[in-house]
PDB file of N, CA and C in Angstrom:
ATOM      1  N   MET A   1       0.821  -1.190   0.000  1.00  0.00           N
ATOM      2  CA  MET A   1       0.000   0.000   0.000  1.00  0.00           C
ATOM      3  C   MET A   1       0.869   1.259   0.000  1.00  0.00           C
ATOM      4  N   GLU A   2       1.891   1.275   0.818  1.00  0.00           N
ATOM      5  CA  GLU A   2       2.752   2.447   0.921  1.00  0.00           C
ATOM      6  C   GLU A   2       3.501   2.694  -0.391  1.00  0.00           C
ATOM      7  N   LYS A   3       3.954   1.641  -1.043  1.00  0.00           N
ATOM      8  CA  LYS A   3       4.656   1.788  -2.317  1.00  0.00           C
ATOM      9  C   LYS A   3       3.745   2.406  -3.361  1.00  0.00           C
ATOM     10  N   GLU A   4       2.494   2.025  -3.337  1.00  0.00           N
ATOM     11  CA  GLU A   4       1.532   2.559  -4.294  1.00  0.00           C
ATOM     12  C   GLU A   4       1.367   4.066  -4.101  1.00  0.00           C
ATOM     13  N   GLU A   5       1.314   4.508  -2.858  1.00  0.00           N
ATOM     14  CA  GLU A   5       1.179   5.931  -2.566  1.00  0.00           C
ATOM     15  C   GLU A   5       2.383   6.703  -3.072  1.00  0.00           C
ATOM     16  N   CYS A   6       3.568   6.164  -2.903  1.00  0.00           N
ATOM     17  CA  CYS A   6       4.777   6.830  -3.378  1.00  0.00           C
ATOM     18  C   CYS A   6       4.754   6.967  -4.892  1.00  0.00           C
ATOM     19  N   ARG A   7       4.319   5.953  -5.557  1.00  0.00           N
ATOM     20  CA  ARG A   7       4.278   5.996  -7.019  1.00  0.00           C
ATOM     21  C   ARG A   7       3.319   7.068  -7.515  1.00  0.00           C
ATOM     22  N   GLN A   8       2.233   7.258  -6.803  1.00  0.00           N
ATOM     23  CA  GLN A   8       1.252   8.256  -7.217  1.00  0.00           C
ATOM     24  C   GLN A   8       1.780   9.676  -7.034  1.00  0.00           C
ATOM     25  N   GLU A   9       2.693   9.888  -6.097  1.00  0.00           N
ATOM     26  CA  GLU A   9       3.233  11.213  -5.833  1.00  0.00           C
ATOM     27  C   GLU A   9       4.294  11.623  -6.844  1.00  0.00           C
ATOM     28  N   VAL A  10       4.885  10.673  -7.522  1.00  0.00           N
ATOM     29  CA  VAL A  10       5.951  10.967  -8.472  1.00  0.00           C
ATOM     30  C   VAL A  10       5.338  11.490  -9.762  1.00  0.00           C
ATOM     31  N   ALA A  11       5.828  12.638 -10.203  1.00  0.00           N
ATOM     32  CA  ALA A  11       5.315  13.231 -11.444  1.00  0.00           C
ATOM     33  C   ALA A  11       5.798  12.418 -12.638  1.00  0.00           C
ATOM     34  N   PRO A  12       4.966  12.269 -13.645  1.00  0.00           N
ATOM     35  CA  PRO A  12       5.386  11.521 -14.826  1.00  0.00           C
ATOM     36  C   PRO A  12       6.486  12.266 -15.578  1.00  0.00           C
ATOM     37  N   LEU A  13       7.338  11.518 -16.214  1.00  0.00           N
ATOM     38  CA  LEU A  13       8.434  12.084 -16.993  1.00  0.00           C
ATOM     39  C   LEU A  13       7.884  12.573 -18.321  1.00  0.00           C
ATOM     40  N   THR A  14       7.990  13.864 -18.551  1.00  0.00           N
ATOM     41  CA  THR A  14       7.457  14.441 -19.781  1.00  0.00           C
ATOM     42  C   THR A  14       8.544  14.540 -20.842  1.00  0.00           C
ATOM     43  N   LEU A  15       8.132  14.670 -22.074  1.00  0.00           N
ATOM     44  CA  LEU A  15       9.063  14.839 -23.181  1.00  0.00           C
ATOM     45  C   LEU A  15       9.591  16.269 -23.155  1.00  0.00           C
ATOM     46  N   PRO A  16      10.919  16.456 -23.126  1.00  0.00           N
ATOM     47  CA  PRO A  16      11.453  17.819 -23.079  1.00  0.00           C
ATOM     48  C   PRO A  16      11.246  18.546 -24.408  1.00  0.00           C
ATOM     49  N   ASP A  17      11.092  19.838 -24.337  1.00  0.00           N
ATOM     50  CA  ASP A  17      10.963  20.669 -25.529  1.00  0.00           C
ATOM     51  C   ASP A  17      12.371  20.998 -26.015  1.00  0.00           C
ATOM     52  N   LEU A  18      12.808  20.329 -27.062  1.00  0.00           N
ATOM     53  CA  LEU A  18      14.174  20.491 -27.555  1.00  0.00           C
ATOM     54  C   LEU A  18      14.437  21.889 -28.096  1.00  0.00           C
ATOM     55  N   ARG A  19      13.387  22.629 -28.393  1.00  0.00           N
ATOM     56  CA  ARG A  19      13.569  24.015 -28.846  1.00  0.00           C
ATOM     57  C   ARG A  19      14.100  24.892 -27.717  1.00  0.00           C
ATOM     58  N   LEU A  20      13.947  24.431 -26.484  1.00  0.00           N
ATOM     59  CA  LEU A  20      14.419  25.179 -25.319  1.00  0.00           C
ATOM     60  C   LEU A  20      15.777  24.682 -24.834  1.00  0.00           C
ATOM     61  N   SER A  21      16.463  23.901 -25.653  1.00  0.00           N
ATOM     62  CA  SER A  21      17.732  23.324 -25.219  1.00  0.00           C
ATOM     63  C   SER A  21      18.920  24.079 -25.811  1.00  0.00           C
ATOM     64  N   VAL A  22      20.015  24.019 -25.079  1.00  0.00           N
ATOM     65  CA  VAL A  22      21.269  24.621 -25.528  1.00  0.00           C
ATOM     66  C   VAL A  22      22.358  23.557 -25.449  1.00  0.00           C
ATOM     67  N   PRO A  23      23.343  23.628 -26.351  1.00  0.00           N
ATOM     68  CA  PRO A  23      24.409  22.629 -26.329  1.00  0.00           C
ATOM     69  C   PRO A  23      25.343  22.802 -25.126  1.00  0.00           C
ATOM     70  N   TYR A  24      26.048  21.739 -24.819  1.00  0.00           N
ATOM     71  CA  TYR A  24      26.991  21.726 -23.696  1.00  0.00           C
ATOM     72  C   TYR A  24      27.972  22.889 -23.787  1.00  0.00           C
ATOM     73  N   ASP A  25      28.540  23.111 -24.969  1.00  0.00           N
ATOM     74  CA  ASP A  25      29.560  24.156 -25.124  1.00  0.00           C
ATOM     75  C   ASP A  25      29.025  25.543 -24.770  1.00  0.00           C
ATOM     76  N   ASP A  26      27.790  25.838 -25.163  1.00  0.00           N
ATOM     77  CA  ASP A  26      27.207  27.142 -24.818  1.00  0.00           C
ATOM     78  C   ASP A  26      26.964  27.252 -23.315  1.00  0.00           C
ATOM     79  N   ALA A  27      26.480  26.183 -22.714  1.00  0.00           N
ATOM     80  CA  ALA A  27      26.253  26.191 -21.265  1.00  0.00           C
ATOM     81  C   ALA A  27      27.577  26.357 -20.517  1.00  0.00           C
ATOM     82  N   LEU A  28      28.620  25.711 -21.024  1.00  0.00           N
ATOM     83  CA  LEU A  28      29.942  25.826 -20.406  1.00  0.00           C
ATOM     84  C   LEU A  28      30.458  27.261 -20.500  1.00  0.00           C
ATOM     85  N   ARG A  29      30.360  27.867 -21.678  1.00  0.00           N
ATOM     86  CA  ARG A  29      30.825  29.253 -21.850  1.00  0.00           C
ATOM     87  C   ARG A  29      30.050  30.205 -20.936  1.00  0.00           C
ATOM     88  N   TYR A  30      28.765  29.962 -20.816  1.00  0.00           N
ATOM     89  CA  TYR A  30      27.932  30.789 -19.940  1.00  0.00           C
ATOM     90  C   TYR A  30      28.417  30.674 -18.491  1.00  0.00           C
ATOM     91  N   ALA A  31      28.582  29.451 -18.015  1.00  0.00           N
ATOM     92  CA  ALA A  31      29.020  29.234 -16.633  1.00  0.00           C
ATOM     93  C   ALA A  31      30.405  29.830 -16.404  1.00  0.00           C
ATOM     94  N   GLN A  32      31.309  29.644 -17.355  1.00  0.00           N
ATOM     95  CA  GLN A  32      32.652  30.205 -17.215  1.00  0.00           C
ATOM     96  C   GLN A  32      32.596  31.728 -17.130  1.00  0.00           C
ATOM     97  N   GLY A  33      31.801  32.336 -17.979  1.00  0.00           N
ATOM     98  CA  GLY A  33      31.671  33.789 -17.951  1.00  0.00           C
ATOM     99  C   GLY A  33      31.101  34.293 -16.641  1.00  0.00           C
ATOM    100  N   ARG A  34      30.068  33.620 -16.161  1.00  0.00           N
ATOM    101  CA  ARG A  34      29.459  34.031 -14.888  1.00  0.00           C
ATOM    102  C   ARG A  34      30.431  33.844 -13.724  1.00  0.00           C
ATOM    103  N   LEU A  35      31.188  32.743 -13.734  1.00  0.00           N
ATOM    104  CA  LEU A  35      32.152  32.506 -12.656  1.00  0.00           C
ATOM    105  C   LEU A  35      33.279  33.529 -12.700  1.00  0.00           C
ATOM    106  N   LYS A  36      33.706  33.915 -13.897  1.00  0.00           N
ATOM    107  CA  LYS A  36      34.766  34.923 -14.018  1.00  0.00           C
ATOM    108  C   LYS A  36      34.289  36.276 -13.512  1.00  0.00           C
ATOM    109  N   MET A  37      32.995  36.536 -13.605  1.00  0.00           N
ATOM    110  CA  MET A  37      32.435  37.789 -13.095  1.00  0.00           C
ATOM    111  C   MET A  37      32.554  37.876 -11.570  1.00  0.00           C
ATOM    112  N   LEU A  38      32.627  36.729 -10.910  1.00  0.00           N
ATOM    113  CA  LEU A  38      32.755  36.730  -9.453  1.00  0.00           C
ATOM    114  C   LEU A  38      34.101  37.283  -9.007  1.00  0.00           C
ATOM    115  N   GLY A  39      35.117  37.119  -9.835  1.00  0.00           N
ATOM    116  CA  GLY A  39      36.458  37.507  -9.431  1.00  0.00           C
ATOM    117  C   GLY A  39      37.067  36.428  -8.559  1.00  0.00           C
ATOM    118  N   SER A  40      38.383  36.368  -8.548  1.00  0.00           N
ATOM    119  CA  SER A  40      39.065  35.276  -7.851  1.00  0.00           C
ATOM    120  C   SER A  40      38.796  35.279  -6.350  1.00  0.00           C
ATOM    121  N   GLY A  41      38.592  36.424  -5.754  1.00  0.00           N
ATOM    122  CA  GLY A  41      38.370  36.481  -4.315  1.00  0.00           C
ATOM    123  C   GLY A  41      37.016  35.975  -3.861  1.00  0.00           C
ATOM    124  N   ASN A  42      36.040  35.950  -4.752  1.00  0.00           N
ATOM    125  CA  ASN A  42      34.688  35.561  -4.356  1.00  0.00           C
ATOM    126  C   ASN A  42      34.314  34.135  -4.748  1.00  0.00           C
ATOM    127  N   VAL A  43      35.155  33.477  -5.509  1.00  0.00           N
ATOM    128  CA  VAL A  43      34.837  32.109  -5.943  1.00  0.00           C
ATOM    129  C   VAL A  43      34.777  31.170  -4.744  1.00  0.00           C
ATOM    130  N   LYS A  44      35.715  31.319  -3.821  1.00  0.00           N
ATOM    131  CA  LYS A  44      35.757  30.442  -2.645  1.00  0.00           C
ATOM    132  C   LYS A  44      34.482  30.588  -1.813  1.00  0.00           C
ATOM    133  N   SER A  45      34.053  31.813  -1.574  1.00  0.00           N
ATOM    134  CA  SER A  45      32.837  32.006  -0.774  1.00  0.00           C
ATOM    135  C   SER A  45      31.603  31.495  -1.520  1.00  0.00           C
ATOM    136  N   PHE A  46      31.581  31.648  -2.852  1.00  0.00           N
ATOM    137  CA  PHE A  46      30.496  31.091  -3.666  1.00  0.00           C
ATOM    138  C   PHE A  46      30.455  29.573  -3.501  1.00  0.00           C
ATOM    139  N   CYS A  47      31.619  28.936  -3.588  1.00  0.00           N
ATOM    140  CA  CYS A  47      31.696  27.476  -3.453  1.00  0.00           C
ATOM    141  C   CYS A  47      31.230  27.028  -2.071  1.00  0.00           C
ATOM    142  N   ASP A  48      31.667  27.735  -1.048  1.00  0.00           N
ATOM    143  CA  ASP A  48      31.257  27.390   0.317  1.00  0.00           C
ATOM    144  C   ASP A  48      29.745  27.525   0.485  1.00  0.00           C
ATOM    145  N   ALA A  49      29.195  28.612  -0.008  1.00  0.00           N
ATOM    146  CA  ALA A  49      27.760  28.855   0.137  1.00  0.00           C
ATOM    147  C   ALA A  49      26.926  27.831  -0.626  1.00  0.00           C
ATOM    148  N   GLN A  50      27.426  27.392  -1.778  1.00  0.00           N
ATOM    149  CA  GLN A  50      26.677  26.463  -2.625  1.00  0.00           C
ATOM    150  C   GLN A  50      27.079  25.006  -2.405  1.00  0.00           C
ATOM    151  N   GLN A  51      28.011  24.773  -1.502  1.00  0.00           N
ATOM    152  CA  GLN A  51      28.526  23.434  -1.202  1.00  0.00           C
ATOM    153  C   GLN A  51      29.096  22.769  -2.453  1.00  0.00           C
ATOM    154  N   LEU A  52      29.912  23.537  -3.177  1.00  0.00           N
ATOM    155  CA  LEU A  52      30.601  23.036  -4.365  1.00  0.00           C
ATOM    156  C   LEU A  52      32.082  22.906  -4.043  1.00  0.00           C
ATOM    157  N   THR A  53      32.749  21.972  -4.697  1.00  0.00           N
ATOM    158  CA  THR A  53      34.174  21.783  -4.498  1.00  0.00           C
ATOM    159  C   THR A  53      34.932  22.894  -5.220  1.00  0.00           C
ATOM    160  N   TYR A  54      35.708  23.651  -4.463  1.00  0.00           N
ATOM    161  CA  TYR A  54      36.436  24.802  -5.003  1.00  0.00           C
ATOM    162  C   TYR A  54      37.318  24.403  -6.185  1.00  0.00           C
ATOM    163  N   THR A  55      38.064  23.320  -6.050  1.00  0.00           N
ATOM    164  CA  THR A  55      38.972  22.879  -7.113  1.00  0.00           C
ATOM    165  C   THR A  55      38.216  22.594  -8.400  1.00  0.00           C
ATOM    166  N   ASN A  56      37.076  21.940  -8.296  1.00  0.00           N
ATOM    167  CA  ASN A  56      36.289  21.636  -9.494  1.00  0.00           C
ATOM    168  C   ASN A  56      35.713  22.898 -10.126  1.00  0.00           C
ATOM    169  N   VAL A  57      35.264  23.834  -9.311  1.00  0.00           N
ATOM    170  CA  VAL A  57      34.707  25.079  -9.849  1.00  0.00           C
ATOM    171  C   VAL A  57      35.795  25.875 -10.564  1.00  0.00           C
ATOM    172  N   VAL A  58      36.977  25.958  -9.972  1.00  0.00           N
ATOM    173  CA  VAL A  58      38.086  26.659 -10.628  1.00  0.00           C
ATOM    174  C   VAL A  58      38.473  25.935 -11.912  1.00  0.00           C
ATOM    175  N   GLY A  59      38.465  24.611 -11.893  1.00  0.00           N
ATOM    176  CA  GLY A  59      38.742  23.843 -13.107  1.00  0.00           C
ATOM    177  C   GLY A  59      37.719  24.106 -14.193  1.00  0.00           C
ATOM    178  N   LEU A  60      36.462  24.204 -13.810  1.00  0.00           N
ATOM    179  CA  LEU A  60      35.402  24.523 -14.770  1.00  0.00           C
ATOM    180  C   LEU A  60      35.594  25.936 -15.312  1.00  0.00           C
ATOM    181  N   LYS A  61      35.850  26.869 -14.418  1.00  0.00           N
ATOM    182  CA  LYS A  61      36.030  28.277 -14.800  1.00  0.00           C
ATOM    183  C   LYS A  61      37.199  28.445 -15.773  1.00  0.00           C
ATOM    184  N   ASN A  62      38.299  27.733 -15.522  1.00  0.00           N
ATOM    185  CA  ASN A  62      39.506  27.865 -16.342  1.00  0.00           C
ATOM    186  C   ASN A  62      39.589  26.841 -17.468  1.00  0.00           C
ATOM    187  N   ASN A  63      38.549  26.022 -17.604  1.00  0.00           N
ATOM    188  CA  ASN A  63      38.483  24.994 -18.651  1.00  0.00           C
ATOM    189  C   ASN A  63      39.635  23.994 -18.550  1.00  0.00           C
ATOM    190  N   THR A  64      39.959  23.575 -17.326  1.00  0.00           N
ATOM    191  CA  THR A  64      41.036  22.613 -17.127  1.00  0.00           C
ATOM    192  C   THR A  64      40.539  21.263 -16.606  1.00  0.00           C
ATOM    193  N   LEU A  65      39.232  21.064 -16.566  1.00  0.00           N
ATOM    194  CA  LEU A  65      38.701  19.758 -16.165  1.00  0.00           C
ATOM    195  C   LEU A  65      38.989  18.741 -17.260  1.00  0.00           C
ATOM    196  N   LYS A  66      39.148  17.506 -16.867  1.00  0.00           N
ATOM    197  CA  LYS A  66      39.408  16.441 -17.842  1.00  0.00           C
ATOM    198  C   LYS A  66      38.096  15.990 -18.463  1.00  0.00           C
ATOM    199  N   GLY A  67      37.852  16.433 -19.671  1.00  0.00           N
ATOM    200  CA  GLY A  67      36.656  16.023 -20.392  1.00  0.00           C
ATOM    201  C   GLY A  67      35.405  16.726 -19.905  1.00  0.00           C
ATOM    202  N   PRO A  68      34.314  16.528 -20.629  1.00  0.00           N
ATOM    203  CA  PRO A  68      33.040  17.148 -20.254  1.00  0.00           C
ATOM    204  C   PRO A  68      32.541  16.631 -18.901  1.00  0.00           C
ATOM    205  N   GLN A  69      31.958  17.508 -18.145  1.00  0.00           N
ATOM    206  CA  GLN A  69      31.384  17.179 -16.833  1.00  0.00           C
ATOM    207  C   GLN A  69      29.945  17.692 -16.802  1.00  0.00           C
ATOM    208  N   PRO A  70      29.042  17.068 -17.572  1.00  0.00           N
ATOM    209  CA  PRO A  70      27.693  17.619 -17.708  1.00  0.00           C
ATOM    210  C   PRO A  70      26.906  17.707 -16.408  1.00  0.00           C
ATOM    211  N   ARG A  71      27.007  16.724 -15.544  1.00  0.00           N
ATOM    212  CA  ARG A  71      26.235  16.772 -14.292  1.00  0.00           C
ATOM    213  C   ARG A  71      26.764  17.861 -13.358  1.00  0.00           C
ATOM    214  N   PHE A  72      28.072  17.991 -13.307  1.00  0.00           N
ATOM    215  CA  PHE A  72      28.650  19.054 -12.480  1.00  0.00           C
ATOM    216  C   PHE A  72      28.294  20.423 -13.058  1.00  0.00           C
ATOM    217  N   LEU A  73      28.368  20.558 -14.365  1.00  0.00           N
ATOM    218  CA  LEU A  73      28.002  21.819 -15.007  1.00  0.00           C
ATOM    219  C   LEU A  73      26.540  22.158 -14.714  1.00  0.00           C
ATOM    220  N   GLN A  74      25.669  21.167 -14.771  1.00  0.00           N
ATOM    221  CA  GLN A  74      24.260  21.409 -14.461  1.00  0.00           C
ATOM    222  C   GLN A  74      24.105  21.911 -13.023  1.00  0.00           C
ATOM    223  N   ARG A  75      24.843  21.323 -12.121  1.00  0.00           N
ATOM    224  CA  ARG A  75      24.778  21.744 -10.717  1.00  0.00           C
ATOM    225  C   ARG A  75      25.242  23.199 -10.561  1.00  0.00           C
ATOM    226  N   VAL A  76      26.326  23.550 -11.260  1.00  0.00           N
ATOM    227  CA  VAL A  76      26.826  24.930 -11.204  1.00  0.00           C
ATOM    228  C   VAL A  76      25.804  25.889 -11.802  1.00  0.00           C
ATOM    229  N   LEU A  77      25.216  25.517 -12.938  1.00  0.00           N
ATOM    230  CA  LEU A  77      24.199  26.372 -13.562  1.00  0.00           C
ATOM    231  C   LEU A  77      23.031  26.612 -12.606  1.00  0.00           C
ATOM    232  N   ASN A  78      22.602  25.572 -11.921  1.00  0.00           N
ATOM    233  CA  ASN A  78      21.517  25.717 -10.944  1.00  0.00           C
ATOM    234  C   ASN A  78      21.919  26.677  -9.825  1.00  0.00           C
ATOM    235  N   CYS A  79      23.177  26.610  -9.398  1.00  0.00           N
ATOM    236  CA  CYS A  79      23.674  27.515  -8.359  1.00  0.00           C
ATOM    237  C   CYS A  79      23.786  28.952  -8.867  1.00  0.00           C
ATOM    238  N   LEU A  80      23.868  29.121 -10.174  1.00  0.00           N
ATOM    239  CA  LEU A  80      23.912  30.448 -10.789  1.00  0.00           C
ATOM    240  C   LEU A  80      22.509  30.927 -11.169  1.00  0.00           C
ATOM    241  N   ALA A  81      21.498  30.329 -10.567  1.00  0.00           N
ATOM    242  CA  ALA A  81      20.087  30.686 -10.787  1.00  0.00           C
ATOM    243  C   ALA A  81      19.648  30.436 -12.219  1.00  0.00           C
ATOM    244  N   LEU A  82      20.183  29.377 -12.823  1.00  0.00           N
ATOM    245  CA  LEU A  82      19.761  28.974 -14.159  1.00  0.00           C
ATOM    246  C   LEU A  82      19.343  27.505 -14.090  1.00  0.00           C
ATOM    247  N   PRO A  83      18.096  27.240 -13.719  1.00  0.00           N
ATOM    248  CA  PRO A  83      17.643  25.849 -13.619  1.00  0.00           C
ATOM    249  C   PRO A  83      17.600  25.196 -14.996  1.00  0.00           C
ATOM    250  N   THR A  84      18.130  24.007 -15.071  1.00  0.00           N
ATOM    251  CA  THR A  84      18.166  23.281 -16.340  1.00  0.00           C
ATOM    252  C   THR A  84      17.852  21.817 -16.123  1.00  0.00           C
ATOM    253  N   GLY A  85      17.414  21.187 -17.191  1.00  0.00           N
ATOM    254  CA  GLY A  85      17.313  19.743 -17.242  1.00  0.00           C
ATOM    255  C   GLY A  85      18.453  19.256 -18.125  1.00  0.00           C
ATOM    256  N   LEU A  86      18.950  18.087 -17.864  1.00  0.00           N
ATOM    257  CA  LEU A  86      20.070  17.542 -18.626  1.00  0.00           C
ATOM    258  C   LEU A  86      19.591  16.359 -19.436  1.00  0.00           C
ATOM    259  N   LEU A  87      19.980  16.311 -20.710  1.00  0.00           N
ATOM    260  CA  LEU A  87      19.646  15.149 -21.528  1.00  0.00           C
ATOM    261  C   LEU A  87      20.748  14.877 -22.530  1.00  0.00           C
ATOM    262  N   GLN A  88      20.777  13.630 -22.978  1.00  0.00           N
ATOM    263  CA  GLN A  88      21.685  13.230 -24.050  1.00  0.00           C
ATOM    264  C   GLN A  88      20.853  13.141 -25.312  1.00  0.00           C
ATOM    265  N   TYR A  89      21.251  13.913 -26.312  1.00  0.00           N
ATOM    266  CA  TYR A  89      20.494  13.887 -27.557  1.00  0.00           C
ATOM    267  C   TYR A  89      21.435  14.124 -28.711  1.00  0.00           C
ATOM    268  N   PRO A  90      21.393  13.315 -29.746  1.00  0.00           N
ATOM    269  CA  PRO A  90      20.491  12.200 -29.998  1.00  0.00           C
ATOM    270  C   PRO A  90      20.747  11.029 -29.046  1.00  0.00           C
ATOM    271  N   PRO A  91      19.720  10.187 -28.846  1.00  0.00           N
ATOM    272  CA  PRO A  91      19.860   9.046 -27.941  1.00  0.00           C
ATOM    273  C   PRO A  91      21.057   8.172 -28.314  1.00  0.00           C
ATOM    274  N   GLY A  92      21.776   7.725 -27.304  1.00  0.00           N
ATOM    275  CA  GLY A  92      22.922   6.851 -27.516  1.00  0.00           C
ATOM    276  C   GLY A  92      24.205   7.601 -27.829  1.00  0.00           C
ATOM    277  N   SER A  93      24.136   8.909 -27.965  1.00  0.00           N
ATOM    278  CA  SER A  93      25.331   9.693 -28.270  1.00  0.00           C
ATOM    279  C   SER A  93      25.951  10.199 -26.973  1.00  0.00           C
ATOM    280  N   LYS A  94      27.088  10.833 -27.098  1.00  0.00           N
ATOM    281  CA  LYS A  94      27.726  11.450 -25.936  1.00  0.00           C
ATOM    282  C   LYS A  94      27.502  12.958 -25.938  1.00  0.00           C
ATOM    283  N   ILE A  95      26.528  13.401 -26.711  1.00  0.00           N
ATOM    284  CA  ILE A  95      26.217  14.818 -26.816  1.00  0.00           C
ATOM    285  C   ILE A  95      25.210  15.180 -25.727  1.00  0.00           C
ATOM    286  N   HIS A  96      25.561  16.166 -24.923  1.00  0.00           N
ATOM    287  CA  HIS A  96      24.685  16.616 -23.840  1.00  0.00           C
ATOM    288  C   HIS A  96      24.090  17.969 -24.180  1.00  0.00           C
ATOM    289  N   ARG A  97      22.832  18.131 -23.802  1.00  0.00           N
ATOM    290  CA  ARG A  97      22.129  19.396 -23.979  1.00  0.00           C
ATOM    291  C   ARG A  97      21.458  19.749 -22.662  1.00  0.00           C
ATOM    292  N   PHE A  98      21.268  21.028 -22.455  1.00  0.00           N
ATOM    293  CA  PHE A  98      20.624  21.527 -21.248  1.00  0.00           C
ATOM    294  C   PHE A  98      19.311  22.169 -21.653  1.00  0.00           C
ATOM    295  N   VAL A  99      18.228  21.728 -21.032  1.00  0.00           N
ATOM    296  CA  VAL A  99      16.898  22.225 -21.363  1.00  0.00           C
ATOM    297  C   VAL A  99      16.504  23.288 -20.342  1.00  0.00           C
ATOM    298  N   LEU A 100      16.162  24.455 -20.854  1.00  0.00           N
ATOM    299  CA  LEU A 100      15.741  25.565 -20.004  1.00  0.00           C
ATOM    300  C   LEU A 100      14.233  25.489 -19.779  1.00  0.00           C
ATOM    301  N   PRO A 101      13.739  26.088 -18.707  1.00  0.00           N
ATOM    302  CA  PRO A 101      12.327  25.913 -18.349  1.00  0.00           C
ATOM    303  C   PRO A 101      11.318  26.654 -19.225  1.00  0.00           C
ATOM    304  N   SER A 102      11.754  27.679 -19.963  1.00  0.00           N
ATOM    305  CA  SER A 102      10.790  28.460 -20.746  1.00  0.00           C
ATOM    306  C   SER A 102      11.485  29.195 -21.884  1.00  0.00           C
ATOM    307  N   ALA A 103      10.678  29.703 -22.803  1.00  0.00           N
ATOM    308  CA  ALA A 103      11.211  30.501 -23.909  1.00  0.00           C
ATOM    309  C   ALA A 103      11.849  31.785 -23.373  1.00  0.00           C
ATOM    310  N   GLU A 104      11.288  32.344 -22.320  1.00  0.00           N
ATOM    311  CA  GLU A 104      11.848  33.551 -21.712  1.00  0.00           C
ATOM    312  C   GLU A 104      13.227  33.267 -21.123  1.00  0.00           C
ATOM    313  N   ALA A 105      13.369  32.125 -20.464  1.00  0.00           N
ATOM    314  CA  ALA A 105      14.663  31.747 -19.894  1.00  0.00           C
ATOM    315  C   ALA A 105      15.688  31.525 -21.002  1.00  0.00           C
ATOM    316  N   LEU A 106      15.258  30.928 -22.109  1.00  0.00           N
ATOM    317  CA  LEU A 106      16.159  30.716 -23.242  1.00  0.00           C
ATOM    318  C   LEU A 106      16.598  32.052 -23.833  1.00  0.00           C
ATOM    319  N   ALA A 107      15.671  32.979 -24.011  1.00  0.00           N
ATOM    320  CA  ALA A 107      16.006  34.295 -24.569  1.00  0.00           C
ATOM    321  C   ALA A 107      16.979  35.036 -23.652  1.00  0.00           C
ATOM    322  N   ALA A 108      16.746  34.983 -22.347  1.00  0.00           N
ATOM    323  CA  ALA A 108      17.645  35.636 -21.390  1.00  0.00           C
ATOM    324  C   ALA A 108      19.022  34.980 -21.427  1.00  0.00           C
ATOM    325  N   PHE A 109      19.053  33.650 -21.498  1.00  0.00           N
ATOM    326  CA  PHE A 109      20.320  32.924 -21.580  1.00  0.00           C
ATOM    327  C   PHE A 109      21.100  33.367 -22.813  1.00  0.00           C
ATOM    328  N   GLN A 110      20.453  33.392 -23.959  1.00  0.00           N
ATOM    329  CA  GLN A 110      21.126  33.764 -25.207  1.00  0.00           C
ATOM    330  C   GLN A 110      21.632  35.202 -25.159  1.00  0.00           C
ATOM    331  N   GLU A 111      20.848  36.093 -24.597  1.00  0.00           N
ATOM    332  CA  GLU A 111      21.268  37.496 -24.478  1.00  0.00           C
ATOM    333  C   GLU A 111      22.486  37.623 -23.564  1.00  0.00           C
ATOM    334  N   GLN A 112      22.446  36.940 -22.433  1.00  0.00           N
ATOM    335  CA  GLN A 112      23.568  36.996 -21.495  1.00  0.00           C
ATOM    336  C   GLN A 112      24.807  36.328 -22.072  1.00  0.00           C
ATOM    337  N   LEU A 113      24.621  35.223 -22.799  1.00  0.00           N
ATOM    338  CA  LEU A 113      25.757  34.539 -23.409  1.00  0.00           C
ATOM    339  C   LEU A 113      26.426  35.442 -24.446  1.00  0.00           C
ATOM    340  N   THR A 114      25.641  36.139 -25.244  1.00  0.00           N
ATOM    341  CA  THR A 114      26.196  37.074 -26.226  1.00  0.00           C
ATOM    342  C   THR A 114      27.006  38.158 -25.520  1.00  0.00           C
ATOM    343  N   PHE A 115      26.478  38.672 -24.423  1.00  0.00           N
ATOM    344  CA  PHE A 115      27.196  39.674 -23.633  1.00  0.00           C
ATOM    345  C   PHE A 115      28.518  39.104 -23.117  1.00  0.00           C
ATOM    346  N   LEU A 116      28.468  37.901 -22.548  1.00  0.00           N
ATOM    347  CA  LEU A 116      29.667  37.287 -21.975  1.00  0.00           C
ATOM    348  C   LEU A 116      30.711  36.974 -23.040  1.00  0.00           C
ATOM    349  N   LYS A 117      30.280  36.556 -24.219  1.00  0.00           N
ATOM    350  CA  LYS A 117      31.217  36.263 -25.308  1.00  0.00           C
ATOM    351  C   LYS A 117      31.967  37.516 -25.745  1.00  0.00           C
ATOM    352  N   GLY A 118      31.340  38.668 -25.594  1.00  0.00           N
ATOM    353  CA  GLY A 118      31.978  39.926 -25.967  1.00  0.00           C
ATOM    354  C   GLY A 118      33.187  40.270 -25.116  1.00  0.00           C
ATOM    355  N   TYR A 119      33.341  39.602 -23.972  1.00  0.00           N
ATOM    356  CA  TYR A 119      34.453  39.884 -23.070  1.00  0.00           C
ATOM    357  C   TYR A 119      35.471  38.751 -23.002  1.00  0.00           C
ATOM    358  N   GLU A 120      35.386  37.826 -23.928  1.00  0.00           N
ATOM    359  CA  GLU A 120      36.357  36.708 -23.924  1.00  0.00           C
ATOM    360  C   GLU A 120      37.665  37.142 -24.528  1.00  0.00           C
TER     361      GLU A 120
END
């Protein structure tokens, strides 16, 4: 009986709107730009407040992590007030995309990314 109740509380998995997705590379550039805006003195306090590993965040910021880290990047994006869903698309590939919650969030992301790219 208890298992049945738990199953009823779980929301069904919906099909993500791929039009609201951004590629891993764009999400990475966005996170790197936002982290660089913190300045070196504030990264440690950001990591402490968000319970993130300082070494990994600095590695992400400086692009020195070994290979793509999609789950960690998603966690950092969430800590930067950018909620995302993570998916691999096309199925069976190693390509990761991040799905934003709305068209407004996607437009804001693209605008901010363009701004951040201007300072690379």
